C-alpha cells in the first residue's frame, strides 16, 4: 500500500540501530528522503549506504551528530533547515535500582530523552505550522504509563514525553500538522538483547529461551509473550506519519503486545 509519503523528508533520530533503524527502513521502503542520525559517523554512513542500495526509489542522507549537544543540533539545523516528518526516537535506558540513581543520572536522562527531542520540535514545528503540513512523532514506551520499577529514571522521561507531545499537539489546532506518540512494549533491539543476556548469563541457554524466560518472569502481563520486532514499530510509525493518519492528534498509541492491563 502506498502510504503517500514518497519524496517527503523524514528525520529519524537515533536511527543507526534498533527501533530507529527499523523506522528509517520503513520510510525508505516508501520512497521517502530519510535523514539518518547517530553520533558515530561510520555507523551513520553504513546505514545510509545500505538504504540507498536496497531502496533506490528513496534517498538516505547522513545527519550525523549528538542531538543532546547544542552545537551539534545547530549544525543539523543548518544542514537540514526543514523536514516534513520528525521522529523523536533517540533515547537511553538502563535498569537501575532507585537508591543507586544520583542527581547527575536523573539529569542525564532528562536532557537526553526529553530536552533534546524538545529542541528539535522547537526548531522544526514553526515551519510545519507555517506551511500547514507536517508530522511530529515521539517514540515513548509502555513504561510511560506502567512503570516496571526496573528503571525509574527512564520511566519518568517517557511519561514526560507523553505530556510534552500532548501539549505540543494543542499548538496544531486547526492545521494539517499532527503531534503524536507511539508507546512500544519490550522490543528486540540490540540494547534489550544485551540486557537479557546479562540477566540470563547461562551460555547453555539459547537467545530464544532467554527471551521466553524474560517475558515469563519480567513481562508476565504481555499477551503475545514475545518481544516485539522493531519492523512492526517501523510500519506503525510510517502509518501515523502518513496522510491516512490525519485524524490522530495528541494521541498516545499503544503497541505493547497487550502488556498494559487497562482499557485506557
C-alpha atoms as a PDB file:
ATOM      1  CA  UNK A   1       0.000   0.000   0.000  1.00  0.00           C
ATOM      2  CA  UNK A   2       1.323   3.425  -0.981  1.00  0.00           C
ATOM      3  CA  UNK A   3       1.351   5.493   2.216  1.00  0.00           C
ATOM      4  CA  UNK A   4       1.603   8.816   0.400  1.00  0.00           C
ATOM      5  CA  UNK A   5       4.954   9.893   1.804  1.00  0.00           C
ATOM      6  CA  UNK A   6       7.162   9.389  -1.238  1.00  0.00           C
ATOM      7  CA  UNK A   7       9.592  12.297  -1.525  1.00  0.00           C
ATOM      8  CA  UNK A   8       8.848  13.560   1.989  1.00  0.00           C
ATOM      9  CA  UNK A   9      11.864  14.288   4.182  1.00  0.00           C
ATOM     10  CA  UNK A  10      11.886  12.370   7.459  1.00  0.00           C
ATOM     11  CA  UNK A  11      14.443  12.922  10.209  1.00  0.00           C
ATOM     12  CA  UNK A  12      14.699   9.839  12.407  1.00  0.00           C
ATOM     13  CA  UNK A  13      16.871  10.432  15.446  1.00  0.00           C
ATOM     14  CA  UNK A  14      18.954   7.549  16.758  1.00  0.00           C
ATOM     15  CA  UNK A  15      18.454   5.623  13.528  1.00  0.00           C
ATOM     16  CA  UNK A  16      21.634   3.572  13.198  1.00  0.00           C
ATOM     17  CA  UNK A  17      20.194   0.619  15.086  1.00  0.00           C
ATOM     18  CA  UNK A  18      17.172  -0.743  16.910  1.00  0.00           C
ATOM     19  CA  UNK A  19      13.751   0.854  16.584  1.00  0.00           C
ATOM     20  CA  UNK A  20      15.173   3.949  14.935  1.00  0.00           C
ATOM     21  CA  UNK A  21      16.798   1.992  12.131  1.00  0.00           C
ATOM     22  CA  UNK A  22      13.629  -0.050  11.622  1.00  0.00           C
ATOM     23  CA  UNK A  23      11.648   3.166  11.270  1.00  0.00           C
ATOM     24  CA  UNK A  24      14.202   4.536   8.802  1.00  0.00           C
ATOM     25  CA  UNK A  25      13.961   1.333   6.749  1.00  0.00           C
ATOM     26  CA  UNK A  26      10.167   1.553   6.721  1.00  0.00           C
ATOM     27  CA  UNK A  27      10.331   5.126   5.422  1.00  0.00           C
ATOM     28  CA  UNK A  28      12.902   4.178   2.788  1.00  0.00           C
ATOM     29  CA  UNK A  29      10.610   1.423   1.551  1.00  0.00           C
ATOM     30  CA  UNK A  30       8.005   4.130   0.947  1.00  0.00           C
ATOM     31  CA  UNK A  31      10.412   6.219  -1.118  1.00  0.00           C
ATOM     32  CA  UNK A  32      10.964   8.929   1.493  1.00  0.00           C
ATOM     33  CA  UNK A  33      14.064  11.053   1.875  1.00  0.00           C
ATOM     34  CA  UNK A  34      15.393   9.663   5.156  1.00  0.00           C
ATOM     35  CA  UNK A  35      17.863  11.545   7.325  1.00  0.00           C
ATOM     36  CA  UNK A  36      19.910   9.046   9.333  1.00  0.00           C
ATOM     37  CA  UNK A  37      21.058  10.352  12.702  1.00  0.00           C
ATOM     38  CA  UNK A  38      23.579   8.996  15.164  1.00  0.00           C
ATOM     39  CA  UNK A  39      26.754  10.023  16.948  1.00  0.00           C
ATOM     40  CA  UNK A  40      29.057   7.600  15.143  1.00  0.00           C
ATOM     41  CA  UNK A  41      29.809   8.793  11.608  1.00  0.00           C
ATOM     42  CA  UNK A  42      30.869   5.371  10.410  1.00  0.00           C
ATOM     43  CA  UNK A  43      27.639   3.760  11.632  1.00  0.00           C
ATOM     44  CA  UNK A  44      25.557   6.539  10.081  1.00  0.00           C
ATOM     45  CA  UNK A  45      27.289   6.198   6.714  1.00  0.00           C
ATOM     46  CA  UNK A  46      26.869   2.432   6.830  1.00  0.00           C
ATOM     47  CA  UNK A  47      23.089   2.746   7.216  1.00  0.00           C
ATOM     48  CA  UNK A  48      22.932   5.454   4.535  1.00  0.00           C
ATOM     49  CA  UNK A  49      24.773   3.212   2.084  1.00  0.00           C
ATOM     50  CA  UNK A  50      22.630   0.224   2.991  1.00  0.00           C
ATOM     51  CA  UNK A  51      19.342   2.057   2.443  1.00  0.00           C
ATOM     52  CA  UNK A  52      20.429   3.701  -0.800  1.00  0.00           C
ATOM     53  CA  UNK A  53      21.473   0.335  -2.175  1.00  0.00           C
ATOM     54  CA  UNK A  54      18.386  -1.563  -1.078  1.00  0.00           C
ATOM     55  CA  UNK A  55      15.769   1.096  -1.826  1.00  0.00           C
ATOM     56  CA  UNK A  56      16.757   3.041  -4.970  1.00  0.00           C
ATOM     57  CA  UNK A  57      13.443   4.923  -5.029  1.00  0.00           C
ATOM     58  CA  UNK A  58      14.370   6.538  -1.705  1.00  0.00           C
ATOM     59  CA  UNK A  59      17.204   8.844  -0.710  1.00  0.00           C
ATOM     60  CA  UNK A  60      19.076   8.361   2.545  1.00  0.00           C
ATOM     61  CA  UNK A  61      21.352  11.112   3.838  1.00  0.00           C
ATOM     62  CA  UNK A  62      23.684  11.401   6.800  1.00  0.00           C
ATOM     63  CA  UNK A  63      22.607  13.651   9.648  1.00  0.00           C
ATOM     64  CA  UNK A  64      25.479  12.767  11.960  1.00  0.00           C
ATOM     65  CA  UNK A  65      25.638  14.355  15.386  1.00  0.00           C
ATOM     66  CA  UNK A  66      24.822  14.086  19.065  1.00  0.00           C
ATOM     67  CA  UNK A  67      21.493  15.914  19.304  1.00  0.00           C
ATOM     68  CA  UNK A  68      21.958  16.316  23.055  1.00  0.00           C
ATOM     69  CA  UNK A  69      24.831  18.676  22.242  1.00  0.00           C
ATOM     70  CA  UNK A  70      23.526  22.174  21.321  1.00  0.00           C
ATOM     71  CA  UNK A  71      26.414  22.760  18.899  1.00  0.00           C
ATOM     72  CA  UNK A  72      25.646  19.532  17.074  1.00  0.00           C
ATOM     73  CA  UNK A  73      21.978  20.464  16.889  1.00  0.00           C
ATOM     74  CA  UNK A  74      22.811  23.823  15.351  1.00  0.00           C
ATOM     75  CA  UNK A  75      24.910  22.073  12.718  1.00  0.00           C
ATOM     76  CA  UNK A  76      21.995  19.747  11.992  1.00  0.00           C
ATOM     77  CA  UNK A  77      19.591  22.687  11.669  1.00  0.00           C
ATOM     78  CA  UNK A  78      21.969  24.433   9.293  1.00  0.00           C
ATOM     79  CA  UNK A  79      22.360  21.317   7.149  1.00  0.00           C
ATOM     80  CA  UNK A  80      18.668  20.408   7.153  1.00  0.00           C
ATOM     81  CA  UNK A  81      16.597  23.546   7.896  1.00  0.00           C
ATOM     82  CA  UNK A  82      13.296  21.875   7.013  1.00  0.00           C
ATOM     83  CA  UNK A  83      11.807  18.413   7.453  1.00  0.00           C
ATOM     84  CA  UNK A  84       8.328  17.114   6.707  1.00  0.00           C
ATOM     85  CA  UNK A  85       8.404  14.424   9.373  1.00  0.00           C
ATOM     86  CA  UNK A  86      10.266  14.447  12.684  1.00  0.00           C
ATOM     87  CA  UNK A  87      10.620  11.136  14.509  1.00  0.00           C
ATOM     88  CA  UNK A  88      11.968  11.710  18.022  1.00  0.00           C
ATOM     89  CA  UNK A  89      13.264   8.205  18.645  1.00  0.00           C
ATOM     90  CA  UNK A  90      16.723   8.723  20.171  1.00  0.00           C
ATOM     91  CA  UNK A  91      16.913   7.837  23.840  1.00  0.00           C
ATOM     92  CA  UNK A  92      18.790   5.949  26.514  1.00  0.00           C
ATOM     93  CA  UNK A  93      17.676   3.338  29.034  1.00  0.00           C
ATOM     94  CA  UNK A  94      19.326   1.298  31.741  1.00  0.00           C
ATOM     95  CA  UNK A  95      17.910  -0.894  34.510  1.00  0.00           C
ATOM     96  CA  UNK A  96      18.887   0.734  37.803  1.00  0.00           C
ATOM     97  CA  UNK A  97      17.855   0.409  41.424  1.00  0.00           C
ATOM     98  CA  UNK A  98      16.258   3.636  42.651  1.00  0.00           C
ATOM     99  CA  UNK A  99      18.691   4.042  45.533  1.00  0.00           C
ATOM    100  CA  UNK A 100      21.629   3.917  43.123  1.00  0.00           C
ATOM    101  CA  UNK A 101      20.405   6.764  40.888  1.00  0.00           C
ATOM    102  CA  UNK A 102      22.200  10.020  41.652  1.00  0.00           C
ATOM    103  CA  UNK A 103      21.145  13.500  40.562  1.00  0.00           C
ATOM    104  CA  UNK A 104      23.589  13.534  37.663  1.00  0.00           C
ATOM    105  CA  UNK A 105      21.944  10.406  36.236  1.00  0.00           C
ATOM    106  CA  UNK A 106      18.449  11.857  36.578  1.00  0.00           C
ATOM    107  CA  UNK A 107      19.637  14.965  34.752  1.00  0.00           C
ATOM    108  CA  UNK A 108      21.369  12.960  32.002  1.00  0.00           C
ATOM    109  CA  UNK A 109      18.195  11.019  31.253  1.00  0.00           C
ATOM    110  CA  UNK A 110      16.114  14.209  31.283  1.00  0.00           C
ATOM    111  CA  UNK A 111      18.447  16.049  28.915  1.00  0.00           C
ATOM    112  CA  UNK A 112      18.805  13.074  26.588  1.00  0.00           C
ATOM    113  CA  UNK A 113      15.266  11.721  26.409  1.00  0.00           C
ATOM    114  CA  UNK A 114      13.272  14.942  26.795  1.00  0.00           C
ATOM    115  CA  UNK A 115      15.161  18.187  26.241  1.00  0.00           C
ATOM    116  CA  UNK A 116      16.973  17.049  23.069  1.00  0.00           C
ATOM    117  CA  UNK A 117      13.702  15.989  21.457  1.00  0.00           C
ATOM    118  CA  UNK A 118      12.002  19.191  22.565  1.00  0.00           C
ATOM    119  CA  UNK A 119      14.778  21.281  20.992  1.00  0.00           C
ATOM    120  CA  UNK A 120      14.172  19.621  17.626  1.00  0.00           C
ATOM    121  CA  UNK A 121      10.438  20.246  17.807  1.00  0.00           C
ATOM    122  CA  UNK A 122      11.022  23.859  18.800  1.00  0.00           C
ATOM    123  CA  UNK A 123      13.074  24.344  15.637  1.00  0.00           C
ATOM    124  CA  UNK A 124      11.062  22.350  13.098  1.00  0.00           C
ATOM    125  CA  UNK A 125       7.453  22.777  14.258  1.00  0.00           C
ATOM    126  CA  UNK A 126       7.093  26.511  13.399  1.00  0.00           C
ATOM    127  CA  UNK A 127       7.860  25.857   9.720  1.00  0.00           C
ATOM    128  CA  UNK A 128       5.429  22.938   9.670  1.00  0.00           C
ATOM    129  CA  UNK A 129       2.714  25.189  11.073  1.00  0.00           C
ATOM    130  CA  UNK A 130       3.574  27.955   8.636  1.00  0.00           C
ATOM    131  CA  UNK A 131       3.307  25.550   5.692  1.00  0.00           C
ATOM    132  CA  UNK A 132       0.281  23.770   7.218  1.00  0.00           C
ATOM    133  CA  UNK A 133       1.880  20.366   6.737  1.00  0.00           C
ATOM    134  CA  UNK A 134       3.962  18.055   8.874  1.00  0.00           C
ATOM    135  CA  UNK A 135       4.216  15.238  11.357  1.00  0.00           C
ATOM    136  CA  UNK A 136       5.951  15.017  14.732  1.00  0.00           C
ATOM    137  CA  UNK A 137       6.143  11.611  16.374  1.00  0.00           C
ATOM    138  CA  UNK A 138       7.667  10.676  19.729  1.00  0.00           C
ATOM    139  CA  UNK A 139       8.730   7.087  20.403  1.00  0.00           C
ATOM    140  CA  UNK A 140       7.989   6.544  24.076  1.00  0.00           C
ATOM    141  CA  UNK A 141       7.351   3.250  25.899  1.00  0.00           C
ATOM    142  CA  UNK A 142       4.739   1.400  27.905  1.00  0.00           C
ATOM    143  CA  UNK A 143       6.960   2.422  30.844  1.00  0.00           C
ATOM    144  CA  UNK A 144       5.373   5.867  30.451  1.00  0.00           C
ATOM    145  CA  UNK A 145       2.046   4.645  31.818  1.00  0.00           C
ATOM    146  CA  UNK A 146       3.025   1.412  33.583  1.00  0.00           C
ATOM    147  CA  UNK A 147       6.465   1.813  35.181  1.00  0.00           C
ATOM    148  CA  UNK A 148       8.017  -1.564  35.928  1.00  0.00           C
ATOM    149  CA  UNK A 149      10.242  -0.182  38.684  1.00  0.00           C
ATOM    150  CA  UNK A 150      13.294  -1.557  36.883  1.00  0.00           C
ATOM    151  CA  UNK A 151      14.434   1.873  35.637  1.00  0.00           C
ATOM    152  CA  UNK A 152      12.562   4.767  37.262  1.00  0.00           C
ATOM    153  CA  UNK A 153      14.851   7.382  35.703  1.00  0.00           C
ATOM    154  CA  UNK A 154      13.818   6.117  32.248  1.00  0.00           C
ATOM    155  CA  UNK A 155      10.112   5.772  33.026  1.00  0.00           C
ATOM    156  CA  UNK A 156       9.998   9.359  34.239  1.00  0.00           C
ATOM    157  CA  UNK A 157      11.271  10.677  30.910  1.00  0.00           C
ATOM    158  CA  UNK A 158       8.828   8.599  28.885  1.00  0.00           C
ATOM    159  CA  UNK A 159       5.899   9.956  30.895  1.00  0.00           C
ATOM    160  CA  UNK A 160       7.264  13.433  30.247  1.00  0.00           C
ATOM    161  CA  UNK A 161       7.274  12.717  26.515  1.00  0.00           C
ATOM    162  CA  UNK A 162       3.560  11.916  26.621  1.00  0.00           C
ATOM    163  CA  UNK A 163       2.814  15.181  28.388  1.00  0.00           C
ATOM    164  CA  UNK A 164       5.055  17.176  26.052  1.00  0.00           C
ATOM    165  CA  UNK A 165       3.519  15.655  22.915  1.00  0.00           C
ATOM    166  CA  UNK A 166       0.012  16.375  24.178  1.00  0.00           C
ATOM    167  CA  UNK A 167       0.915  19.993  24.935  1.00  0.00           C
ATOM    168  CA  UNK A 168       2.558  20.428  21.532  1.00  0.00           C
ATOM    169  CA  UNK A 169      -0.488  18.982  19.783  1.00  0.00           C
ATOM    170  CA  UNK A 170      -2.514  21.911  21.141  1.00  0.00           C
ATOM    171  CA  UNK A 171      -0.376  24.230  19.035  1.00  0.00           C
ATOM    172  CA  UNK A 172      -1.505  22.471  15.856  1.00  0.00           C
ATOM    173  CA  UNK A 173      -5.230  23.148  16.329  1.00  0.00           C
ATOM    174  CA  UNK A 174      -6.977  23.749  13.014  1.00  0.00           C
ATOM    175  CA  UNK A 175      -3.932  22.768  10.928  1.00  0.00           C
ATOM    176  CA  UNK A 176      -2.819  19.713   8.973  1.00  0.00           C
ATOM    177  CA  UNK A 177       0.144  19.230  11.331  1.00  0.00           C
ATOM    178  CA  UNK A 178      -0.068  16.494  13.951  1.00  0.00           C
ATOM    179  CA  UNK A 179       1.942  15.541  17.035  1.00  0.00           C
ATOM    180  CA  UNK A 180       1.558  12.023  18.399  1.00  0.00           C
ATOM    181  CA  UNK A 181       3.342   9.368  20.443  1.00  0.00           C
ATOM    182  CA  UNK A 182       3.857   5.642  19.968  1.00  0.00           C
ATOM    183  CA  UNK A 183       4.360   3.542  23.089  1.00  0.00           C
ATOM    184  CA  UNK A 184       6.062   0.255  22.159  1.00  0.00           C
ATOM    185  CA  UNK A 185       6.353  -2.577  24.601  1.00  0.00           C
ATOM    186  CA  UNK A 186       9.563  -4.518  25.115  1.00  0.00           C
ATOM    187  CA  UNK A 187      11.250  -4.783  21.721  1.00  0.00           C
ATOM    188  CA  UNK A 188      14.084  -6.968  20.438  1.00  0.00           C
ATOM    189  CA  UNK A 189      16.631  -4.213  19.935  1.00  0.00           C
ATOM    190  CA  UNK A 190      20.371  -4.627  20.355  1.00  0.00           C
ATOM    191  CA  UNK A 191      20.165  -2.952  23.764  1.00  0.00           C
ATOM    192  CA  UNK A 192      17.359  -5.178  25.016  1.00  0.00           C
ATOM    193  CA  UNK A 193      19.152  -8.263  23.726  1.00  0.00           C
ATOM    194  CA  UNK A 194      22.262  -7.250  25.673  1.00  0.00           C
ATOM    195  CA  UNK A 195      20.140  -6.616  28.758  1.00  0.00           C
ATOM    196  CA  UNK A 196      18.575 -10.082  28.536  1.00  0.00           C
ATOM    197  CA  UNK A 197      21.981 -11.693  28.056  1.00  0.00           C
ATOM    198  CA  UNK A 198      23.149 -10.019  31.266  1.00  0.00           C
ATOM    199  CA  UNK A 199      20.005 -11.028  33.138  1.00  0.00           C
ATOM    200  CA  UNK A 200      20.340 -14.666  31.999  1.00  0.00           C
ATOM    201  CA  UNK A 201      24.083 -15.276  31.528  1.00  0.00           C
ATOM    202  CA  UNK A 202      23.875 -19.080  31.281  1.00  0.00           C
ATOM    203  CA  UNK A 203      25.697 -19.879  27.987  1.00  0.00           C
ATOM    204  CA  UNK A 204      23.735 -23.127  27.697  1.00  0.00           C
ATOM    205  CA  UNK A 205      20.542 -21.166  27.098  1.00  0.00           C
ATOM    206  CA  UNK A 206      19.691 -20.025  23.584  1.00  0.00           C
ATOM    207  CA  UNK A 207      18.600 -16.450  22.964  1.00  0.00           C
ATOM    208  CA  UNK A 208      15.107 -17.746  22.187  1.00  0.00           C
ATOM    209  CA  UNK A 209      14.946 -19.490  25.578  1.00  0.00           C
ATOM    210  CA  UNK A 210      16.254 -16.382  27.337  1.00  0.00           C
ATOM    211  CA  UNK A 211      13.583 -14.312  25.602  1.00  0.00           C
ATOM    212  CA  UNK A 212      10.886 -16.695  26.831  1.00  0.00           C
ATOM    213  CA  UNK A 213      12.273 -16.558  30.379  1.00  0.00           C
ATOM    214  CA  UNK A 214      12.398 -12.768  30.246  1.00  0.00           C
ATOM    215  CA  UNK A 215       8.806 -12.489  29.055  1.00  0.00           C
ATOM    216  CA  UNK A 216       7.574 -15.037  31.605  1.00  0.00           C
ATOM    217  CA  UNK A 217       9.488 -13.630  34.567  1.00  0.00           C
ATOM    218  CA  UNK A 218       9.761  -9.925  33.769  1.00  0.00           C
ATOM    219  CA  UNK A 219       6.830  -9.216  31.412  1.00  0.00           C
ATOM    220  CA  UNK A 220       4.133 -11.670  32.554  1.00  0.00           C
ATOM    221  CA  UNK A 221       1.299  -9.335  31.532  1.00  0.00           C
ATOM    222  CA  UNK A 222       2.287  -9.461  27.864  1.00  0.00           C
ATOM    223  CA  UNK A 223      -0.395 -11.217  25.867  1.00  0.00           C
ATOM    224  CA  UNK A 224       1.845 -12.019  22.908  1.00  0.00           C
ATOM    225  CA  UNK A 225       4.593 -13.370  25.217  1.00  0.00           C
ATOM    226  CA  UNK A 226       7.380 -12.371  22.857  1.00  0.00           C
ATOM    227  CA  UNK A 227       9.492  -9.331  22.225  1.00  0.00           C
ATOM    228  CA  UNK A 228       8.180  -7.005  19.534  1.00  0.00           C
ATOM    229  CA  UNK A 229      10.027  -6.929  16.204  1.00  0.00           C
ATOM    230  CA  UNK A 230      11.365  -3.401  15.540  1.00  0.00           C
ATOM    231  CA  UNK A 231       9.960  -3.652  11.987  1.00  0.00           C
ATOM    232  CA  UNK A 232       6.453  -3.784  13.460  1.00  0.00           C
ATOM    233  CA  UNK A 233       7.034  -0.409  15.098  1.00  0.00           C
ATOM    234  CA  UNK A 234       8.557   0.921  11.881  1.00  0.00           C
ATOM    235  CA  UNK A 235       5.400   0.125   9.937  1.00  0.00           C
ATOM    236  CA  UNK A 236       3.220   1.813  12.556  1.00  0.00           C
ATOM    237  CA  UNK A 237       5.437   4.907  12.558  1.00  0.00           C
ATOM    238  CA  UNK A 238       5.050   5.230   8.800  1.00  0.00           C
ATOM    239  CA  UNK A 239       1.273   4.968   9.046  1.00  0.00           C
ATOM    240  CA  UNK A 240       0.997   7.572  11.807  1.00  0.00           C
ATOM    241  CA  UNK A 241       3.236   9.855   9.739  1.00  0.00           C
ATOM    242  CA  UNK A 242       1.151   9.396   6.605  1.00  0.00           C
ATOM    243  CA  UNK A 243      -1.854  11.344   5.257  1.00  0.00           C
ATOM    244  CA  UNK A 244      -4.022   8.366   6.230  1.00  0.00           C
ATOM    245  CA  UNK A 245      -3.490   9.139   9.923  1.00  0.00           C
ATOM    246  CA  UNK A 246      -4.580  12.773   9.727  1.00  0.00           C
ATOM    247  CA  UNK A 247      -7.205  12.315  12.474  1.00  0.00           C
ATOM    248  CA  UNK A 248      -4.628  11.253  15.068  1.00  0.00           C
ATOM    249  CA  UNK A 249      -3.734  14.310  17.157  1.00  0.00           C
ATOM    250  CA  UNK A 250      -2.168  14.300  20.598  1.00  0.00           C
ATOM    251  CA  UNK A 251      -2.655  10.548  20.695  1.00  0.00           C
ATOM    252  CA  UNK A 252      -0.655   8.080  22.783  1.00  0.00           C
ATOM    253  CA  UNK A 253      -0.782   4.955  20.634  1.00  0.00           C
ATOM    254  CA  UNK A 254      -0.038   1.692  22.408  1.00  0.00           C
ATOM    255  CA  UNK A 255       1.849  -1.130  20.709  1.00  0.00           C
ATOM    256  CA  UNK A 256       2.733  -3.089  23.804  1.00  0.00           C
ATOM    257  CA  UNK A 257       1.573  -6.605  22.977  1.00  0.00           C
ATOM    258  CA  UNK A 258      -1.292  -6.273  25.438  1.00  0.00           C
ATOM    259  CA  UNK A 259       1.053  -5.664  28.349  1.00  0.00           C
ATOM    260  CA  UNK A 260      -0.846  -2.720  29.830  1.00  0.00           C
ATOM    261  CA  UNK A 261      -3.822  -4.307  31.603  1.00  0.00           C
ATOM    262  CA  UNK A 262      -6.154  -1.308  31.450  1.00  0.00           C
ATOM    263  CA  UNK A 263      -8.672  -0.191  28.820  1.00  0.00           C
ATOM    264  CA  UNK A 264      -7.301   3.366  28.772  1.00  0.00           C
END
